[in-house]
């Protein structure tokens, strides 16, 4: 039996609409961080490039707010969403 080395990535609000996906299941490289994952996804180009663009993207790991240097591993859920703006 091989160990599941994947994590779930979820997108919320306008990111979900603009990327046309709600979630992905991706392999996790050793010693990965949330910021590295964000950069890797942005390298897909097109709408994905906005993930590291001028507008900041908020990160949560396992439903807790996180920073780009937060470690991520197999079984984690990483969520990306635009900053909440008040009105």
PDB file of N, CA and C in Angstrom:
ATOM      1  N   UNK A   1       0.841  -1.200   0.000  1.00  0.00           N
ATOM      2  CA  UNK A   1       0.000   0.000   0.000  1.00  0.00           C
ATOM      3  C   UNK A   1       0.874   1.247   0.000  1.00  0.00           C
ATOM      4  N   UNK A   2       0.519   2.188  -0.817  1.00  0.00           N
ATOM      5  CA  UNK A   2       1.276   3.445  -0.827  1.00  0.00           C
ATOM      6  C   UNK A   2       0.514   4.500  -0.034  1.00  0.00           C
ATOM      7  N   UNK A   3       1.276   5.336   0.623  1.00  0.00           N
ATOM      8  CA  UNK A   3       0.686   6.407   1.428  1.00  0.00           C
ATOM      9  C   UNK A   3       0.133   7.483   0.499  1.00  0.00           C
ATOM     10  N   UNK A   4      -1.040   8.006   0.832  1.00  0.00           N
ATOM     11  CA  UNK A   4      -1.640   9.083   0.035  1.00  0.00           C
ATOM     12  C   UNK A   4      -0.847  10.359   0.281  1.00  0.00           C
ATOM     13  N   UNK A   5      -0.196  10.870  -0.742  1.00  0.00           N
ATOM     14  CA  UNK A   5       0.633  12.069  -0.627  1.00  0.00           C
ATOM     15  C   UNK A   5      -0.044  13.254  -1.306  1.00  0.00           C
ATOM     16  N   UNK A   6      -1.364  13.388  -1.122  1.00  0.00           N
ATOM     17  CA  UNK A   6      -2.087  14.477  -1.772  1.00  0.00           C
ATOM     18  C   UNK A   6      -2.706  15.397  -0.728  1.00  0.00           C
ATOM     19  N   UNK A   7      -3.069  16.569  -1.193  1.00  0.00           N
ATOM     20  CA  UNK A   7      -3.835  17.510  -0.383  1.00  0.00           C
ATOM     21  C   UNK A   7      -4.951  18.066  -1.238  1.00  0.00           C
ATOM     22  N   UNK A   8      -5.898  18.716  -0.580  1.00  0.00           N
ATOM     23  CA  UNK A   8      -7.037  19.325  -1.267  1.00  0.00           C
ATOM     24  C   UNK A   8      -6.839  20.833  -1.280  1.00  0.00           C
ATOM     25  N   UNK A   9      -7.027  21.433  -2.442  1.00  0.00           N
ATOM     26  CA  UNK A   9      -6.955  22.888  -2.580  1.00  0.00           C
ATOM     27  C   UNK A   9      -8.354  23.375  -2.917  1.00  0.00           C
ATOM     28  N   UNK A  10      -8.833  24.356  -2.172  1.00  0.00           N
ATOM     29  CA  UNK A  10     -10.171  24.916  -2.422  1.00  0.00           C
ATOM     30  C   UNK A  10     -10.049  26.404  -2.759  1.00  0.00           C
ATOM     31  N   UNK A  11     -10.945  26.851  -3.617  1.00  0.00           N
ATOM     32  CA  UNK A  11     -10.977  28.252  -4.043  1.00  0.00           C
ATOM     33  C   UNK A  11     -12.340  28.831  -3.697  1.00  0.00           C
ATOM     34  N   UNK A  12     -12.355  30.074  -3.235  1.00  0.00           N
ATOM     35  CA  UNK A  12     -13.608  30.705  -2.811  1.00  0.00           C
ATOM     36  C   UNK A  12     -13.824  32.043  -3.496  1.00  0.00           C
ATOM     37  N   UNK A  13     -15.078  32.474  -3.476  1.00  0.00           N
ATOM     38  CA  UNK A  13     -15.517  33.783  -4.000  1.00  0.00           C
ATOM     39  C   UNK A  13     -15.097  33.942  -5.462  1.00  0.00           C
ATOM     40  N   UNK A  14     -14.563  35.102  -5.823  1.00  0.00           N
ATOM     41  CA  UNK A  14     -14.263  35.364  -7.231  1.00  0.00           C
ATOM     42  C   UNK A  14     -13.197  34.425  -7.777  1.00  0.00           C
ATOM     43  N   UNK A  15     -12.307  33.927  -6.928  1.00  0.00           N
ATOM     44  CA  UNK A  15     -11.290  32.995  -7.438  1.00  0.00           C
ATOM     45  C   UNK A  15     -11.942  31.738  -7.999  1.00  0.00           C
ATOM     46  N   UNK A  16     -12.938  31.230  -7.302  1.00  0.00           N
ATOM     47  CA  UNK A  16     -13.628  30.023  -7.767  1.00  0.00           C
ATOM     48  C   UNK A  16     -14.256  30.287  -9.134  1.00  0.00           C
ATOM     49  N   UNK A  17     -14.868  31.460  -9.299  1.00  0.00           N
ATOM     50  CA  UNK A  17     -15.513  31.783 -10.573  1.00  0.00           C
ATOM     51  C   UNK A  17     -14.492  32.014 -11.680  1.00  0.00           C
ATOM     52  N   UNK A  18     -13.436  32.777 -11.390  1.00  0.00           N
ATOM     53  CA  UNK A  18     -12.467  33.127 -12.423  1.00  0.00           C
ATOM     54  C   UNK A  18     -11.594  31.942 -12.831  1.00  0.00           C
ATOM     55  N   UNK A  19     -11.337  31.032 -11.901  1.00  0.00           N
ATOM     56  CA  UNK A  19     -10.525  29.851 -12.229  1.00  0.00           C
ATOM     57  C   UNK A  19     -11.391  28.696 -12.719  1.00  0.00           C
ATOM     58  N   UNK A  20     -12.704  28.866 -12.600  1.00  0.00           N
ATOM     59  CA  UNK A  20     -13.674  27.873 -13.045  1.00  0.00           C
ATOM     60  C   UNK A  20     -13.446  26.512 -12.381  1.00  0.00           C
ATOM     61  N   UNK A  21     -13.081  26.559 -11.095  1.00  0.00           N
ATOM     62  CA  UNK A  21     -12.950  25.323 -10.337  1.00  0.00           C
ATOM     63  C   UNK A  21     -13.148  25.611  -8.854  1.00  0.00           C
ATOM     64  N   UNK A  22     -13.743  24.671  -8.171  1.00  0.00           N
ATOM     65  CA  UNK A  22     -13.973  24.824  -6.739  1.00  0.00           C
ATOM     66  C   UNK A  22     -12.861  24.186  -5.930  1.00  0.00           C
ATOM     67  N   UNK A  23     -12.339  23.056  -6.423  1.00  0.00           N
ATOM     68  CA  UNK A  23     -11.281  22.383  -5.676  1.00  0.00           C
ATOM     69  C   UNK A  23     -10.425  21.513  -6.584  1.00  0.00           C
ATOM     70  N   UNK A  24      -9.221  21.230  -6.113  1.00  0.00           N
ATOM     71  CA  UNK A  24      -8.266  20.361  -6.801  1.00  0.00           C
ATOM     72  C   UNK A  24      -7.688  19.398  -5.779  1.00  0.00           C
ATOM     73  N   UNK A  25      -7.277  18.238  -6.225  1.00  0.00           N
ATOM     74  CA  UNK A  25      -6.491  17.331  -5.398  1.00  0.00           C
ATOM     75  C   UNK A  25      -5.127  17.232  -6.059  1.00  0.00           C
ATOM     76  N   UNK A  26      -4.087  17.591  -5.309  1.00  0.00           N
ATOM     77  CA  UNK A  26      -2.748  17.669  -5.883  1.00  0.00           C
ATOM     78  C   UNK A  26      -1.745  16.887  -5.041  1.00  0.00           C
ATOM     79  N   UNK A  27      -0.683  16.391  -5.676  1.00  0.00           N
ATOM     80  CA  UNK A  27       0.387  15.756  -4.907  1.00  0.00           C
ATOM     81  C   UNK A  27       1.138  16.812  -4.094  1.00  0.00           C
ATOM     82  N   UNK A  28       1.666  16.393  -2.960  1.00  0.00           N
ATOM     83  CA  UNK A  28       2.396  17.315  -2.091  1.00  0.00           C
ATOM     84  C   UNK A  28       3.888  17.006  -2.152  1.00  0.00           C
ATOM     85  N   UNK A  29       4.700  17.966  -2.591  1.00  0.00           N
ATOM     86  CA  UNK A  29       6.139  17.729  -2.538  1.00  0.00           C
ATOM     87  C   UNK A  29       6.629  17.790  -1.086  1.00  0.00           C
ATOM     88  N   UNK A  30       7.728  17.129  -0.766  1.00  0.00           N
ATOM     89  CA  UNK A  30       8.261  17.202   0.592  1.00  0.00           C
ATOM     90  C   UNK A  30       8.599  18.649   0.968  1.00  0.00           C
ATOM     91  N   UNK A  31       8.401  18.980   2.222  1.00  0.00           N
ATOM     92  CA  UNK A  31       8.746  20.310   2.768  1.00  0.00           C
ATOM     93  C   UNK A  31       8.047  21.455   2.050  1.00  0.00           C
ATOM     94  N   UNK A  32       6.836  21.222   1.563  1.00  0.00           N
ATOM     95  CA  UNK A  32       6.095  22.259   0.847  1.00  0.00           C
ATOM     96  C   UNK A  32       5.513  23.285   1.810  1.00  0.00           C
ATOM     97  N   UNK A  33       5.307  24.501   1.297  1.00  0.00           N
ATOM     98  CA  UNK A  33       4.626  25.551   2.054  1.00  0.00           C
ATOM     99  C   UNK A  33       3.431  26.044   1.251  1.00  0.00           C
ATOM    100  N   UNK A  34       2.521  26.729   1.922  1.00  0.00           N
ATOM    101  CA  UNK A  34       1.337  27.276   1.254  1.00  0.00           C
ATOM    102  C   UNK A  34       1.747  28.261   0.158  1.00  0.00           C
ATOM    103  N   UNK A  35       2.763  29.060   0.413  1.00  0.00           N
ATOM    104  CA  UNK A  35       3.229  30.024  -0.585  1.00  0.00           C
ATOM    105  C   UNK A  35       3.806  29.360  -1.820  1.00  0.00           C
ATOM    106  N   UNK A  36       4.532  28.253  -1.627  1.00  0.00           N
ATOM    107  CA  UNK A  36       5.066  27.526  -2.778  1.00  0.00           C
ATOM    108  C   UNK A  36       3.939  26.959  -3.627  1.00  0.00           C
ATOM    109  N   UNK A  37       2.912  26.447  -2.963  1.00  0.00           N
ATOM    110  CA  UNK A  37       1.750  25.918  -3.683  1.00  0.00           C
ATOM    111  C   UNK A  37       1.088  27.032  -4.494  1.00  0.00           C
ATOM    112  N   UNK A  38       0.916  28.179  -3.888  1.00  0.00           N
ATOM    113  CA  UNK A  38       0.307  29.330  -4.568  1.00  0.00           C
ATOM    114  C   UNK A  38       1.117  29.703  -5.812  1.00  0.00           C
ATOM    115  N   UNK A  39       2.437  29.775  -5.669  1.00  0.00           N
ATOM    116  CA  UNK A  39       3.303  30.116  -6.802  1.00  0.00           C
ATOM    117  C   UNK A  39       3.231  29.066  -7.896  1.00  0.00           C
ATOM    118  N   UNK A  40       3.203  27.797  -7.502  1.00  0.00           N
ATOM    119  CA  UNK A  40       3.125  26.703  -8.475  1.00  0.00           C
ATOM    120  C   UNK A  40       1.831  26.795  -9.290  1.00  0.00           C
ATOM    121  N   UNK A  41       0.720  27.057  -8.612  1.00  0.00           N
ATOM    122  CA  UNK A  41      -0.556  27.199  -9.316  1.00  0.00           C
ATOM    123  C   UNK A  41      -0.534  28.417 -10.245  1.00  0.00           C
ATOM    124  N   UNK A  42       0.070  29.520  -9.806  1.00  0.00           N
ATOM    125  CA  UNK A  42       0.128  30.739 -10.621  1.00  0.00           C
ATOM    126  C   UNK A  42       0.913  30.509 -11.906  1.00  0.00           C
ATOM    127  N   UNK A  43       1.881  29.599 -11.882  1.00  0.00           N
ATOM    128  CA  UNK A  43       2.683  29.320 -13.075  1.00  0.00           C
ATOM    129  C   UNK A  43       1.871  28.650 -14.179  1.00  0.00           C
ATOM    130  N   UNK A  44       0.654  28.236 -13.893  1.00  0.00           N
ATOM    131  CA  UNK A  44      -0.204  27.677 -14.939  1.00  0.00           C
ATOM    132  C   UNK A  44      -0.569  28.738 -15.970  1.00  0.00           C
ATOM    133  N   UNK A  45      -0.447  30.018 -15.605  1.00  0.00           N
ATOM    134  CA  UNK A  45      -0.729  31.103 -16.533  1.00  0.00           C
ATOM    135  C   UNK A  45      -2.216  31.414 -16.644  1.00  0.00           C
ATOM    136  N   UNK A  46      -2.548  32.333 -17.520  1.00  0.00           N
ATOM    137  CA  UNK A  46      -3.939  32.742 -17.702  1.00  0.00           C
ATOM    138  C   UNK A  46      -4.512  33.273 -16.407  1.00  0.00           C
ATOM    139  N   UNK A  47      -5.743  32.891 -16.107  1.00  0.00           N
ATOM    140  CA  UNK A  47      -6.413  33.364 -14.894  1.00  0.00           C
ATOM    141  C   UNK A  47      -5.656  32.947 -13.635  1.00  0.00           C
ATOM    142  N   UNK A  48      -4.912  31.843 -13.714  1.00  0.00           N
ATOM    143  CA  UNK A  48      -4.167  31.357 -12.544  1.00  0.00           C
ATOM    144  C   UNK A  48      -3.093  32.348 -12.104  1.00  0.00           C
ATOM    145  N   UNK A  49      -2.545  33.129 -13.045  1.00  0.00           N
ATOM    146  CA  UNK A  49      -1.464  34.062 -12.725  1.00  0.00           C
ATOM    147  C   UNK A  49      -1.881  35.088 -11.672  1.00  0.00           C
ATOM    148  N   UNK A  50      -3.173  35.362 -11.555  1.00  0.00           N
ATOM    149  CA  UNK A  50      -3.634  36.346 -10.580  1.00  0.00           C
ATOM    150  C   UNK A  50      -3.341  35.915  -9.134  1.00  0.00           C
ATOM    151  N   UNK A  51      -3.100  34.631  -8.919  1.00  0.00           N
ATOM    152  CA  UNK A  51      -2.866  34.150  -7.559  1.00  0.00           C
ATOM    153  C   UNK A  51      -1.641  34.807  -6.925  1.00  0.00           C
ATOM    154  N   UNK A  52      -0.681  35.218  -7.755  1.00  0.00           N
ATOM    155  CA  UNK A  52       0.482  35.926  -7.223  1.00  0.00           C
ATOM    156  C   UNK A  52       0.588  37.323  -7.822  1.00  0.00           C
ATOM    157  N   UNK A  53      -0.530  37.860  -8.289  1.00  0.00           N
ATOM    158  CA  UNK A  53      -0.558  39.178  -8.911  1.00  0.00           C
ATOM    159  C   UNK A  53      -0.658  40.304  -7.894  1.00  0.00           C
ATOM    160  N   UNK A  54      -1.140  41.438  -8.359  1.00  0.00           N
ATOM    161  CA  UNK A  54      -1.204  42.639  -7.533  1.00  0.00           C
ATOM    162  C   UNK A  54      -2.183  42.508  -6.357  1.00  0.00           C
ATOM    163  N   UNK A  55      -3.265  41.771  -6.564  1.00  0.00           N
ATOM    164  CA  UNK A  55      -4.249  41.592  -5.497  1.00  0.00           C
ATOM    165  C   UNK A  55      -3.799  40.456  -4.577  1.00  0.00           C
ATOM    166  N   UNK A  56      -3.667  40.723  -3.290  1.00  0.00           N
ATOM    167  CA  UNK A  56      -3.242  39.650  -2.395  1.00  0.00           C
ATOM    168  C   UNK A  56      -4.295  38.546  -2.298  1.00  0.00           C
ATOM    169  N   UNK A  57      -3.851  37.346  -2.045  1.00  0.00           N
ATOM    170  CA  UNK A  57      -4.731  36.200  -1.855  1.00  0.00           C
ATOM    171  C   UNK A  57      -4.566  35.726  -0.418  1.00  0.00           C
ATOM    172  N   UNK A  58      -5.673  35.522   0.266  1.00  0.00           N
ATOM    173  CA  UNK A  58      -5.640  35.028   1.637  1.00  0.00           C
ATOM    174  C   UNK A  58      -5.509  33.509   1.608  1.00  0.00           C
ATOM    175  N   UNK A  59      -4.844  32.965   2.634  1.00  0.00           N
ATOM    176  CA  UNK A  59      -4.589  31.530   2.702  1.00  0.00           C
ATOM    177  C   UNK A  59      -5.117  30.983   4.018  1.00  0.00           C
ATOM    178  N   UNK A  60      -5.745  29.826   3.953  1.00  0.00           N
ATOM    179  CA  UNK A  60      -6.105  29.083   5.168  1.00  0.00           C
ATOM    180  C   UNK A  60      -5.628  27.645   4.988  1.00  0.00           C
ATOM    181  N   UNK A  61      -5.050  27.087   6.043  1.00  0.00           N
ATOM    182  CA  UNK A  61      -4.637  25.688   6.040  1.00  0.00           C
ATOM    183  C   UNK A  61      -5.445  24.985   7.122  1.00  0.00           C
ATOM    184  N   UNK A  62      -6.191  23.974   6.713  1.00  0.00           N
ATOM    185  CA  UNK A  62      -7.065  23.247   7.641  1.00  0.00           C
ATOM    186  C   UNK A  62      -7.979  24.193   8.418  1.00  0.00           C
ATOM    187  N   UNK A  63      -8.549  25.149   7.682  1.00  0.00           N
ATOM    188  CA  UNK A  63      -9.533  26.112   8.176  1.00  0.00           C
ATOM    189  C   UNK A  63      -8.976  27.081   9.222  1.00  0.00           C
ATOM    190  N   UNK A  64      -7.654  27.283   9.208  1.00  0.00           N
ATOM    191  CA  UNK A  64      -7.015  28.267  10.080  1.00  0.00           C
ATOM    192  C   UNK A  64      -6.224  29.219   9.192  1.00  0.00           C
ATOM    193  N   UNK A  65      -6.371  30.523   9.418  1.00  0.00           N
ATOM    194  CA  UNK A  65      -5.629  31.499   8.614  1.00  0.00           C
ATOM    195  C   UNK A  65      -4.140  31.174   8.677  1.00  0.00           C
ATOM    196  N   UNK A  66      -3.479  31.306   7.520  1.00  0.00           N
ATOM    197  CA  UNK A  66      -2.077  30.908   7.421  1.00  0.00           C
ATOM    198  C   UNK A  66      -1.274  31.949   6.655  1.00  0.00           C
ATOM    199  N   UNK A  67       0.031  31.838   6.788  1.00  0.00           N
ATOM    200  CA  UNK A  67       0.968  32.689   6.061  1.00  0.00           C
ATOM    201  C   UNK A  67       1.602  31.862   4.937  1.00  0.00           C
ATOM    202  N   UNK A  68       2.232  32.536   3.961  1.00  0.00           N
ATOM    203  CA  UNK A  68       2.855  31.785   2.866  1.00  0.00           C
ATOM    204  C   UNK A  68       3.895  30.757   3.325  1.00  0.00           C
ATOM    205  N   UNK A  69       4.545  30.998   4.464  1.00  0.00           N
ATOM    206  CA  UNK A  69       5.576  30.053   4.916  1.00  0.00           C
ATOM    207  C   UNK A  69       5.014  28.916   5.776  1.00  0.00           C
ATOM    208  N   UNK A  70       3.683  28.823   5.882  1.00  0.00           N
ATOM    209  CA  UNK A  70       3.060  27.742   6.650  1.00  0.00           C
ATOM    210  C   UNK A  70       3.311  26.408   5.949  1.00  0.00           C
ATOM    211  N   UNK A  71       3.864  25.423   6.659  1.00  0.00           N
ATOM    212  CA  UNK A  71       4.083  24.104   6.051  1.00  0.00           C
ATOM    213  C   UNK A  71       2.758  23.421   5.718  1.00  0.00           C
ATOM    214  N   UNK A  72       2.764  22.688   4.621  1.00  0.00           N
ATOM    215  CA  UNK A  72       1.598  21.899   4.239  1.00  0.00           C
ATOM    216  C   UNK A  72       2.049  20.468   3.974  1.00  0.00           C
ATOM    217  N   UNK A  73       1.129  19.541   4.165  1.00  0.00           N
ATOM    218  CA  UNK A  73       1.490  18.141   3.974  1.00  0.00           C
ATOM    219  C   UNK A  73       0.305  17.320   3.528  1.00  0.00           C
ATOM    220  N   UNK A  74       0.533  16.026   3.347  1.00  0.00           N
ATOM    221  CA  UNK A  74      -0.524  15.124   2.899  1.00  0.00           C
ATOM    222  C   UNK A  74      -1.744  15.191   3.811  1.00  0.00           C
ATOM    223  N   UNK A  75      -2.919  15.216   3.180  1.00  0.00           N
ATOM    224  CA  UNK A  75      -4.165  15.243   3.925  1.00  0.00           C
ATOM    225  C   UNK A  75      -4.641  16.631   4.305  1.00  0.00           C
ATOM    226  N   UNK A  76      -3.795  17.647   4.121  1.00  0.00           N
ATOM    227  CA  UNK A  76      -4.196  19.014   4.470  1.00  0.00           C
ATOM    228  C   UNK A  76      -5.212  19.548   3.468  1.00  0.00           C
ATOM    229  N   UNK A  77      -5.971  20.544   3.931  1.00  0.00           N
ATOM    230  CA  UNK A  77      -6.851  21.303   3.062  1.00  0.00           C
ATOM    231  C   UNK A  77      -6.314  22.730   3.042  1.00  0.00           C
ATOM    232  N   UNK A  78      -5.978  23.214   1.838  1.00  0.00           N
ATOM    233  CA  UNK A  78      -5.467  24.566   1.676  1.00  0.00           C
ATOM    234  C   UNK A  78      -6.519  25.350   0.910  1.00  0.00           C
ATOM    235  N   UNK A  79      -6.929  26.487   1.458  1.00  0.00           N
ATOM    236  CA  UNK A  79      -7.951  27.308   0.810  1.00  0.00           C
ATOM    237  C   UNK A  79      -7.359  28.660   0.434  1.00  0.00           C
ATOM    238  N   UNK A  80      -7.715  29.137  -0.747  1.00  0.00           N
ATOM    239  CA  UNK A  80      -7.294  30.452  -1.217  1.00  0.00           C
ATOM    240  C   UNK A  80      -8.540  31.277  -1.492  1.00  0.00           C
ATOM    241  N   UNK A  81      -8.520  32.524  -1.030  1.00  0.00           N
ATOM    242  CA  UNK A  81      -9.669  33.394  -1.270  1.00  0.00           C
ATOM    243  C   UNK A  81      -9.211  34.839  -1.285  1.00  0.00           C
ATOM    244  N   UNK A  82      -9.987  35.707  -1.972  1.00  0.00           N
ATOM    245  CA  UNK A  82      -9.622  37.110  -2.025  1.00  0.00           C
ATOM    246  C   UNK A  82      -9.842  37.747  -0.656  1.00  0.00           C
ATOM    247  N   UNK A  83      -9.125  38.832  -0.367  1.00  0.00           N
ATOM    248  CA  UNK A  83      -9.330  39.510   0.919  1.00  0.00           C
ATOM    249  C   UNK A  83     -10.777  39.987   1.040  1.00  0.00           C
ATOM    250  N   UNK A  84     -11.286  39.967   2.243  1.00  0.00           N
ATOM    251  CA  UNK A  84     -12.633  40.452   2.496  1.00  0.00           C
ATOM    252  C   UNK A  84     -12.584  41.970   2.513  1.00  0.00           C
ATOM    253  N   UNK A  85     -13.479  42.588   1.760  1.00  0.00           N
ATOM    254  CA  UNK A  85     -13.524  44.041   1.756  1.00  0.00           C
ATOM    255  C   UNK A  85     -14.807  44.502   2.417  1.00  0.00           C
ATOM    256  N   UNK A  86     -14.669  45.502   3.213  1.00  0.00           N
ATOM    257  CA  UNK A  86     -15.849  46.035   3.915  1.00  0.00           C
ATOM    258  C   UNK A  86     -16.530  47.093   3.092  1.00  0.00           C
ATOM    259  N   UNK A  87     -17.688  47.499   3.551  1.00  0.00           N
ATOM    260  CA  UNK A  87     -18.394  48.517   2.786  1.00  0.00           C
ATOM    261  C   UNK A  87     -19.291  49.320   3.664  1.00  0.00           C
TER     262      UNK A  87
END
